[in-house]
Protein backbone atom coordinates (compact mmCIF):
# COMPACT_ATOMS: atom_id res chain seq x y z
CA MET A 1 11.00 17.25 -4.54
CA TRP A 2 11.66 13.73 -5.74
CA ASN A 3 14.13 12.48 -8.30
CA TYR A 4 12.60 9.79 -10.49
CA GLU A 5 14.81 6.97 -11.73
CA LYS A 6 13.36 5.41 -14.86
CA ARG A 7 13.59 1.83 -13.67
CA LEU A 8 11.55 -0.46 -11.47
CA GLN A 9 12.66 -0.94 -7.87
CA TYR A 10 12.78 -4.67 -8.60
CA PRO A 11 12.91 -6.23 -12.09
CA ILE A 12 9.75 -7.79 -13.52
CA ASN A 13 9.95 -10.10 -16.53
CA ILE A 14 6.83 -12.20 -16.95
CA THR A 15 7.06 -14.63 -19.86
CA THR A 16 3.58 -16.20 -19.71
CA PRO A 17 0.53 -13.87 -19.75
CA ASN A 18 -2.29 -14.93 -17.47
CA ALA A 19 -5.33 -12.70 -17.00
CA LYS A 20 -6.65 -14.78 -14.08
CA ILE A 21 -3.52 -14.00 -12.12
CA ALA A 22 -3.75 -10.34 -13.18
CA GLN A 23 -7.17 -10.07 -11.51
CA ILE A 24 -5.64 -11.27 -8.24
CA ILE A 25 -2.56 -9.06 -8.38
CA MET A 26 -4.66 -6.01 -9.27
CA SER A 27 -5.92 -5.82 -5.70
CA GLN A 28 -2.51 -4.62 -4.59
CA TYR A 29 -2.78 -1.74 -7.05
CA GLY A 30 -6.12 -0.29 -5.99
CA GLY A 31 -7.58 -2.67 -3.43
CA PRO A 32 -8.36 -1.97 0.23
CA ASP A 33 -4.83 -2.83 1.38
CA GLY A 34 -2.99 -1.96 -1.81
CA GLU A 35 -0.07 0.25 -2.70
CA MET A 36 -2.15 3.23 -3.86
CA GLY A 37 -3.84 3.54 -0.49
CA ALA A 38 -0.52 3.07 1.30
CA SER A 39 1.26 5.83 -0.59
CA MET A 40 -1.64 8.28 -0.16
CA ARG A 41 -1.94 7.40 3.54
CA TYR A 42 1.69 8.06 4.43
CA LEU A 43 2.21 11.08 2.19
CA SER A 44 -0.91 12.68 3.70
CA GLN A 45 -0.13 11.83 7.32
CA ARG A 46 3.35 13.31 7.25
CA TYR A 47 2.12 16.91 7.38
CA SER A 48 0.66 16.57 10.89
CA MET A 49 3.48 14.55 12.45
CA PRO A 50 5.01 16.50 15.36
CA ASP A 51 8.48 14.95 14.96
CA ARG A 52 10.57 15.62 11.86
CA ARG A 53 12.19 12.18 12.09
CA VAL A 54 8.81 10.49 11.92
CA CYS A 55 7.75 12.82 9.12
CA GLY A 56 10.85 11.65 7.27
CA VAL A 57 9.90 7.99 7.80
CA LEU A 58 6.44 8.65 6.35
CA THR A 59 7.93 10.47 3.37
CA ASP A 60 10.44 7.68 2.72
CA ILE A 61 7.90 4.87 2.96
CA GLY A 62 5.18 6.79 1.11
CA THR A 63 7.62 7.38 -1.74
CA GLU A 64 8.64 3.72 -1.81
CA GLU A 65 4.97 2.73 -1.96
CA LEU A 66 4.72 4.73 -5.19
CA ALA A 67 7.53 2.54 -6.53
CA HIS A 68 5.56 -0.52 -5.44
CA LEU A 69 2.49 0.84 -7.19
CA GLU A 70 4.60 1.01 -10.33
CA MET A 71 5.74 -2.59 -9.84
CA VAL A 72 2.21 -3.92 -9.37
CA ALA A 73 1.01 -2.04 -12.45
CA SER A 74 3.87 -3.56 -14.45
CA ILE A 75 2.95 -7.05 -13.27
CA VAL A 76 -0.70 -6.59 -14.25
CA ARG A 77 0.27 -5.13 -17.62
CA GLN A 78 2.70 -7.94 -18.43
CA LEU A 79 0.14 -10.56 -17.41
CA THR A 80 -2.46 -9.17 -19.85
CA LYS A 81 -0.34 -7.76 -22.67
CA GLY A 82 -0.92 -9.41 -26.05
CA LEU A 83 -3.98 -11.41 -24.99
CA SER A 84 -6.96 -11.27 -27.33
CA ALA A 85 -10.43 -10.21 -26.24
CA GLU A 86 -11.46 -13.86 -26.44
CA GLU A 87 -8.59 -14.97 -24.19
CA LEU A 88 -9.38 -12.25 -21.68
CA GLU A 89 -13.04 -13.22 -21.67
CA ALA A 90 -12.18 -16.89 -21.12
CA ALA A 91 -10.12 -15.85 -18.09
CA GLY A 92 -13.04 -13.91 -16.58
CA PHE A 93 -11.46 -10.56 -17.47
CA ALA A 94 -14.31 -9.40 -19.74
CA PRO A 95 -15.96 -6.91 -17.30
CA TYR A 96 -12.64 -5.14 -16.76
CA TYR A 97 -11.83 -5.27 -20.48
CA VAL A 98 -15.12 -3.60 -21.42
CA ASP A 99 -14.39 -0.59 -19.21
CA HIS A 100 -10.60 -0.31 -19.48
CA THR A 101 -9.39 -2.52 -22.36
CA GLY A 102 -5.78 -3.26 -21.34
CA GLY A 103 -5.27 -0.09 -19.31
CA ILE A 104 -4.30 -0.06 -15.65
CA TRP A 105 -7.07 1.15 -13.36
CA PRO A 106 -7.24 0.96 -9.54
CA GLN A 107 -9.66 -1.62 -8.22
CA ALA A 108 -9.77 -4.55 -5.83
CA ALA A 109 -9.67 -8.16 -6.96
CA GLY A 110 -13.45 -8.26 -6.51
CA GLY A 111 -13.91 -5.34 -8.91
CA ILE A 112 -14.60 -2.61 -6.32
CA PRO A 113 -13.00 0.70 -7.43
CA PHE A 114 -10.36 2.41 -5.33
CA ASN A 115 -11.83 4.86 -2.83
CA ALA A 116 -10.03 7.41 -0.67
CA CYS A 117 -12.03 6.05 2.29
CA GLU A 118 -9.70 3.03 2.15
CA PHE A 119 -6.94 4.98 3.90
CA GLN A 120 -6.99 7.14 6.99
CA SER A 121 -5.27 10.33 8.08
CA LYS A 122 -6.40 11.48 11.54
CA GLY A 123 -3.82 14.10 12.44
CA ASP A 124 -3.04 12.28 15.68
CA ALA A 125 0.45 10.82 15.75
CA LEU A 126 -0.41 7.74 17.82
CA THR A 127 -3.59 6.95 15.90
CA ASP A 128 -1.90 7.33 12.52
CA LEU A 129 1.13 5.22 13.38
CA PHE A 130 -0.97 2.38 14.77
CA GLU A 131 -3.02 2.63 11.57
CA ASP A 132 0.17 2.40 9.53
CA MET A 133 1.47 -0.66 11.35
CA ALA A 134 -1.87 -2.40 10.86
CA ALA A 135 -1.91 -1.41 7.19
CA GLU A 136 1.50 -2.97 6.61
CA GLN A 137 0.38 -6.21 8.23
CA LYS A 138 -2.80 -6.29 6.11
CA ALA A 139 -0.73 -5.74 2.97
CA ARG A 140 1.65 -8.51 4.04
CA THR A 141 -1.31 -10.85 4.53
CA THR A 142 -2.61 -9.98 1.06
CA TYR A 143 0.77 -10.82 -0.45
CA ASP A 144 0.75 -14.08 1.53
CA ASN A 145 -2.64 -14.89 0.02
CA ILE A 146 -1.37 -14.09 -3.48
CA LEU A 147 1.60 -16.40 -2.98
CA ARG A 148 -0.75 -19.19 -1.90
CA LEU A 149 -2.71 -18.81 -5.13
CA VAL A 150 -0.02 -18.01 -7.71
CA LYS A 151 2.64 -20.52 -8.75
CA ASP A 152 4.30 -18.75 -11.68
CA PRO A 153 7.89 -18.03 -10.50
CA ASP A 154 8.10 -14.93 -12.71
CA VAL A 155 5.22 -13.45 -10.69
CA CYS A 156 6.08 -14.90 -7.28
CA ASP A 157 9.60 -13.49 -7.28
CA PRO A 158 8.64 -9.77 -7.29
CA ILE A 159 5.65 -10.49 -5.03
CA ARG A 160 8.03 -11.97 -2.43
CA PHE A 161 10.14 -8.82 -2.68
CA LEU A 162 7.05 -6.65 -2.07
CA ARG A 163 6.05 -8.82 0.88
CA GLU A 164 9.50 -8.41 2.44
CA ARG A 165 9.21 -4.63 2.14
CA GLU A 166 5.90 -4.69 4.04
CA VAL A 167 7.69 -6.39 6.93
CA VAL A 168 10.45 -3.76 6.88
CA HIS A 169 7.89 -0.94 6.80
CA PHE A 170 6.06 -2.43 9.77
CA GLN A 171 9.34 -2.43 11.71
CA ARG A 172 10.14 1.16 10.74
CA PHE A 173 6.71 2.35 11.82
CA GLY A 174 7.25 0.55 15.13
CA GLU A 175 10.46 2.55 15.59
CA ALA A 176 8.60 5.76 14.67
CA LEU A 177 5.90 4.96 17.22
CA ARG A 178 8.53 4.59 19.94
CA ILE A 179 9.95 8.01 19.04
CA ILE A 180 6.53 9.60 19.46
CA GLN A 181 5.81 7.71 22.70
CA ASP A 182 9.13 8.80 24.19
CA ASP A 183 8.09 12.44 23.72
CA LEU A 184 4.78 12.05 25.54
CA ASP A 185 4.30 12.56 29.27
CA SER A 186 1.86 11.10 31.77
CA LYS A 187 -0.73 13.80 31.07
CA ASN A 188 -1.19 13.06 27.39
CA PHE A 189 0.01 9.47 26.92
CA TYR A 190 -2.95 7.86 25.11
CA ALA A 191 -5.52 9.73 27.25
CA PHE A 192 -5.25 12.95 25.27
CA ASN A 193 -4.28 13.97 21.79
CA PRO A 194 -0.83 15.60 22.23
CA GLU A 195 -1.64 18.17 19.53
CA PHE A 196 -5.10 19.15 20.89
CA ASP A 197 -5.03 18.72 24.67
CA ILE A 198 -7.81 20.98 26.02
CA PRO A 199 -6.92 22.57 29.42
CA ASN A 200 -10.56 22.93 30.58
CA CYS A 201 -11.54 19.37 29.74
CA PRO A 202 -12.34 17.34 32.91
CA ARG A 203 -9.70 14.73 33.64
CA ASN A 204 -10.05 11.42 35.41
């Protein structure tokens, strides 16, 4: 079980609402490389990991991604809180407003709803860990793109923190991959799934 501390992992105090920025940031809530997909990916993959240490890494990072989901939601909420319907419409936020008012709902910056197909869980340790490393790099790139577009220091500060965590997660998944690779032998290294190696399958 988890213990929930009623505070954000990193403080967010946005003084100037801006719905245009909110539309950009929202992609890291429910977009293709966002925090919702990341948390679901790692917390699902952990069950089939053959090494308890790697399972622990997935649990740790998956839990932290939930904290990042909370941070992104707080950013979006603070960027839209108090704005009138007219102000939201002028910022291009009207389609979202019609469906969700000022609520937080998972979608990409382009308006595409979150879909579970945006994350993968294969049950193969090597496949999943390579997926995870790629996912962290894609999230880092998305945060890079946000920082190129957004200049408000109140927003950029927590975004930089989130970006730094993506780099750390990438490194931790690299360490986890090495743990799994060290346990493989020449018969199943890449060529066969270590969990489902079929004895009667013809081998090259």
